[in-house]
Amino acid sequence: MIFKDGKTYDRLKFIALLILPVGTFLSTFCGIWFSEAVADQIMQTFAALDVLAGAVVVASNKVYRVKNNAGE
């Protein structure tokens, strides 16, 4: 696993699966009440962060599985 403990992995997974998708809500809300440019910037920022966090979670999970399967 890339992380030294499961807590870091669990936190990052929580952020990637629950917190960062909140950007969709913020983008919609800002698009309604403020400018479309702000909404687009918010959505693009959250989408980029979500992709990065998801990639780290997947890579960490793969490393963990390879290490555990090799030890059996």
N, C-alpha and C. Protein backbone atom coordinates (compact mmCIF):
# COMPACT_ATOMS: atom_id res chain seq x y z
N MET A 1 0.84 -1.17 0.00
CA MET A 1 0.00 0.00 0.00
C MET A 1 0.89 1.24 0.00
N ILE A 2 0.47 2.26 -0.67
CA ILE A 2 1.23 3.49 -0.75
C ILE A 2 1.27 4.18 0.61
N PHE A 3 0.21 4.06 1.38
CA PHE A 3 0.12 4.72 2.67
C PHE A 3 0.60 3.79 3.77
N LYS A 4 1.07 4.37 4.87
CA LYS A 4 1.59 3.57 5.97
C LYS A 4 0.49 2.92 6.79
N ASP A 5 -0.69 3.50 6.78
CA ASP A 5 -1.80 2.90 7.52
C ASP A 5 -3.09 3.01 6.73
N GLY A 6 -4.07 2.23 7.15
CA GLY A 6 -5.36 2.20 6.46
C GLY A 6 -6.18 3.45 6.68
N LYS A 7 -5.90 4.20 7.75
CA LYS A 7 -6.67 5.41 8.02
C LYS A 7 -6.50 6.45 6.92
N THR A 8 -5.28 6.62 6.45
CA THR A 8 -5.03 7.59 5.38
C THR A 8 -5.76 7.17 4.11
N TYR A 9 -5.70 5.89 3.80
CA TYR A 9 -6.40 5.37 2.63
C TYR A 9 -7.90 5.60 2.76
N ASP A 10 -8.45 5.26 3.92
CA ASP A 10 -9.89 5.43 4.13
C ASP A 10 -10.31 6.89 4.04
N ARG A 11 -9.50 7.78 4.57
CA ARG A 11 -9.82 9.21 4.49
C ARG A 11 -9.81 9.71 3.05
N LEU A 12 -8.78 9.31 2.30
CA LEU A 12 -8.69 9.74 0.91
C LEU A 12 -9.84 9.16 0.09
N LYS A 13 -10.19 7.91 0.36
CA LYS A 13 -11.31 7.29 -0.35
C LYS A 13 -12.61 8.03 -0.03
N PHE A 14 -12.81 8.38 1.24
CA PHE A 14 -13.99 9.14 1.64
C PHE A 14 -14.05 10.48 0.91
N ILE A 15 -12.91 11.15 0.84
CA ILE A 15 -12.85 12.44 0.16
C ILE A 15 -13.16 12.28 -1.32
N ALA A 16 -12.57 11.26 -1.95
CA ALA A 16 -12.76 11.05 -3.39
C ALA A 16 -14.19 10.66 -3.74
N LEU A 17 -14.82 9.87 -2.86
CA LEU A 17 -16.15 9.36 -3.18
C LEU A 17 -17.30 10.22 -2.69
N LEU A 18 -17.06 11.05 -1.67
CA LEU A 18 -18.16 11.79 -1.10
C LEU A 18 -17.94 13.30 -1.11
N ILE A 19 -16.80 13.75 -0.68
CA ILE A 19 -16.57 15.19 -0.51
C ILE A 19 -16.37 15.90 -1.86
N LEU A 20 -15.49 15.39 -2.70
CA LEU A 20 -15.20 16.08 -3.96
C LEU A 20 -16.39 16.12 -4.92
N PRO A 21 -17.23 15.11 -4.97
CA PRO A 21 -18.41 15.24 -5.84
C PRO A 21 -19.36 16.36 -5.42
N VAL A 22 -19.18 16.90 -4.23
CA VAL A 22 -19.98 18.05 -3.80
C VAL A 22 -19.74 19.23 -4.75
N GLY A 23 -18.63 19.19 -5.47
CA GLY A 23 -18.35 20.23 -6.46
C GLY A 23 -19.45 20.35 -7.50
N THR A 24 -20.13 19.25 -7.79
CA THR A 24 -21.25 19.30 -8.72
C THR A 24 -22.37 20.18 -8.17
N PHE A 25 -22.66 20.00 -6.89
CA PHE A 25 -23.67 20.85 -6.26
C PHE A 25 -23.24 22.31 -6.27
N LEU A 26 -22.00 22.56 -5.88
CA LEU A 26 -21.52 23.94 -5.84
C LEU A 26 -21.55 24.59 -7.22
N SER A 27 -21.17 23.83 -8.22
CA SER A 27 -21.18 24.36 -9.58
C SER A 27 -22.59 24.72 -10.02
N THR A 28 -23.54 23.83 -9.73
CA THR A 28 -24.93 24.10 -10.09
C THR A 28 -25.46 25.32 -9.34
N PHE A 29 -25.20 25.36 -8.05
CA PHE A 29 -25.65 26.48 -7.22
C PHE A 29 -25.07 27.80 -7.71
N CYS A 30 -23.77 27.82 -7.99
CA CYS A 30 -23.13 29.06 -8.47
C CYS A 30 -23.63 29.44 -9.86
N GLY A 31 -23.93 28.43 -10.67
CA GLY A 31 -24.46 28.71 -12.00
C GLY A 31 -25.82 29.37 -11.94
N ILE A 32 -26.59 29.02 -10.92
CA ILE A 32 -27.93 29.61 -10.76
C ILE A 32 -27.84 31.02 -10.19
N TRP A 33 -27.05 31.20 -9.14
CA TRP A 33 -27.05 32.46 -8.40
C TRP A 33 -25.93 33.43 -8.76
N PHE A 34 -24.87 32.92 -9.37
CA PHE A 34 -23.74 33.79 -9.71
C PHE A 34 -23.41 33.62 -11.19
N SER A 35 -22.19 33.85 -11.55
CA SER A 35 -21.83 33.78 -12.97
C SER A 35 -21.50 32.35 -13.39
N GLU A 36 -21.71 32.09 -14.66
CA GLU A 36 -21.38 30.78 -15.23
C GLU A 36 -19.88 30.52 -15.19
N ALA A 37 -19.08 31.56 -15.31
CA ALA A 37 -17.62 31.40 -15.28
C ALA A 37 -17.17 30.85 -13.93
N VAL A 38 -17.74 31.37 -12.86
CA VAL A 38 -17.39 30.88 -11.52
C VAL A 38 -17.81 29.43 -11.37
N ALA A 39 -18.99 29.10 -11.85
CA ALA A 39 -19.49 27.72 -11.77
C ALA A 39 -18.57 26.78 -12.53
N ASP A 40 -18.15 27.17 -13.71
CA ASP A 40 -17.24 26.33 -14.51
C ASP A 40 -15.90 26.14 -13.81
N GLN A 41 -15.37 27.19 -13.24
CA GLN A 41 -14.09 27.09 -12.54
C GLN A 41 -14.18 26.16 -11.33
N ILE A 42 -15.25 26.28 -10.59
CA ILE A 42 -15.44 25.40 -9.43
C ILE A 42 -15.55 23.95 -9.87
N MET A 43 -16.36 23.70 -10.88
CA MET A 43 -16.56 22.33 -11.35
C MET A 43 -15.27 21.73 -11.88
N GLN A 44 -14.52 22.48 -12.65
CA GLN A 44 -13.27 21.97 -13.20
C GLN A 44 -12.25 21.68 -12.10
N THR A 45 -12.19 22.54 -11.09
CA THR A 45 -11.27 22.33 -9.98
C THR A 45 -11.62 21.07 -9.21
N PHE A 46 -12.89 20.91 -8.85
CA PHE A 46 -13.30 19.73 -8.11
C PHE A 46 -13.15 18.46 -8.94
N ALA A 47 -13.43 18.53 -10.23
CA ALA A 47 -13.28 17.36 -11.09
C ALA A 47 -11.81 16.93 -11.17
N ALA A 48 -10.92 17.89 -11.30
CA ALA A 48 -9.49 17.57 -11.37
C ALA A 48 -9.01 16.95 -10.05
N LEU A 49 -9.43 17.51 -8.94
CA LEU A 49 -9.05 16.96 -7.63
C LEU A 49 -9.63 15.56 -7.43
N ASP A 50 -10.85 15.33 -7.90
CA ASP A 50 -11.47 14.03 -7.76
C ASP A 50 -10.75 12.98 -8.60
N VAL A 51 -10.35 13.34 -9.79
CA VAL A 51 -9.60 12.40 -10.64
C VAL A 51 -8.26 12.05 -9.98
N LEU A 52 -7.58 13.04 -9.44
CA LEU A 52 -6.30 12.79 -8.77
C LEU A 52 -6.48 11.89 -7.56
N ALA A 53 -7.45 12.20 -6.72
CA ALA A 53 -7.69 11.38 -5.52
C ALA A 53 -8.10 9.97 -5.90
N GLY A 54 -8.94 9.83 -6.90
CA GLY A 54 -9.34 8.49 -7.35
C GLY A 54 -8.17 7.68 -7.87
N ALA A 55 -7.28 8.32 -8.60
CA ALA A 55 -6.10 7.62 -9.12
C ALA A 55 -5.20 7.14 -7.98
N VAL A 56 -5.02 7.96 -6.97
CA VAL A 56 -4.19 7.58 -5.83
C VAL A 56 -4.83 6.42 -5.07
N VAL A 57 -6.14 6.46 -4.89
CA VAL A 57 -6.85 5.39 -4.20
C VAL A 57 -6.72 4.08 -4.98
N VAL A 58 -6.92 4.12 -6.28
CA VAL A 58 -6.82 2.91 -7.10
C VAL A 58 -5.40 2.35 -7.08
N ALA A 59 -4.41 3.22 -7.22
CA ALA A 59 -3.02 2.77 -7.20
C ALA A 59 -2.67 2.16 -5.85
N SER A 60 -3.11 2.77 -4.79
CA SER A 60 -2.84 2.26 -3.45
C SER A 60 -3.51 0.90 -3.24
N ASN A 61 -4.74 0.78 -3.71
CA ASN A 61 -5.45 -0.48 -3.59
C ASN A 61 -4.74 -1.59 -4.36
N LYS A 62 -4.26 -1.28 -5.54
CA LYS A 62 -3.56 -2.28 -6.37
C LYS A 62 -2.27 -2.73 -5.69
N VAL A 63 -1.50 -1.79 -5.18
CA VAL A 63 -0.25 -2.14 -4.48
C VAL A 63 -0.55 -3.01 -3.27
N TYR A 64 -1.57 -2.67 -2.53
CA TYR A 64 -1.97 -3.44 -1.35
C TYR A 64 -2.34 -4.86 -1.72
N ARG A 65 -3.14 -5.02 -2.77
CA ARG A 65 -3.56 -6.37 -3.20
C ARG A 65 -2.40 -7.19 -3.70
N VAL A 66 -1.49 -6.58 -4.44
CA VAL A 66 -0.32 -7.31 -4.94
C VAL A 66 0.54 -7.79 -3.76
N LYS A 67 0.75 -6.94 -2.78
CA LYS A 67 1.55 -7.32 -1.61
C LYS A 67 0.87 -8.42 -0.81
N ASN A 68 -0.43 -8.35 -0.64
CA ASN A 68 -1.14 -9.36 0.14
C ASN A 68 -1.23 -10.69 -0.58
N ASN A 69 -1.41 -10.68 -1.89
CA ASN A 69 -1.48 -11.93 -2.66
C ASN A 69 -0.11 -12.58 -2.77
N ALA A 70 0.96 -11.78 -2.80
CA ALA A 70 2.31 -12.34 -2.88
C ALA A 70 2.71 -13.00 -1.57
N GLY A 71 2.17 -12.53 -0.45
CA GLY A 71 2.51 -13.08 0.85
C GLY A 71 1.79 -14.39 1.17
N GLU A 72 0.78 -14.75 0.41
CA GLU A 72 0.01 -15.96 0.71
C GLU A 72 0.62 -17.18 0.08
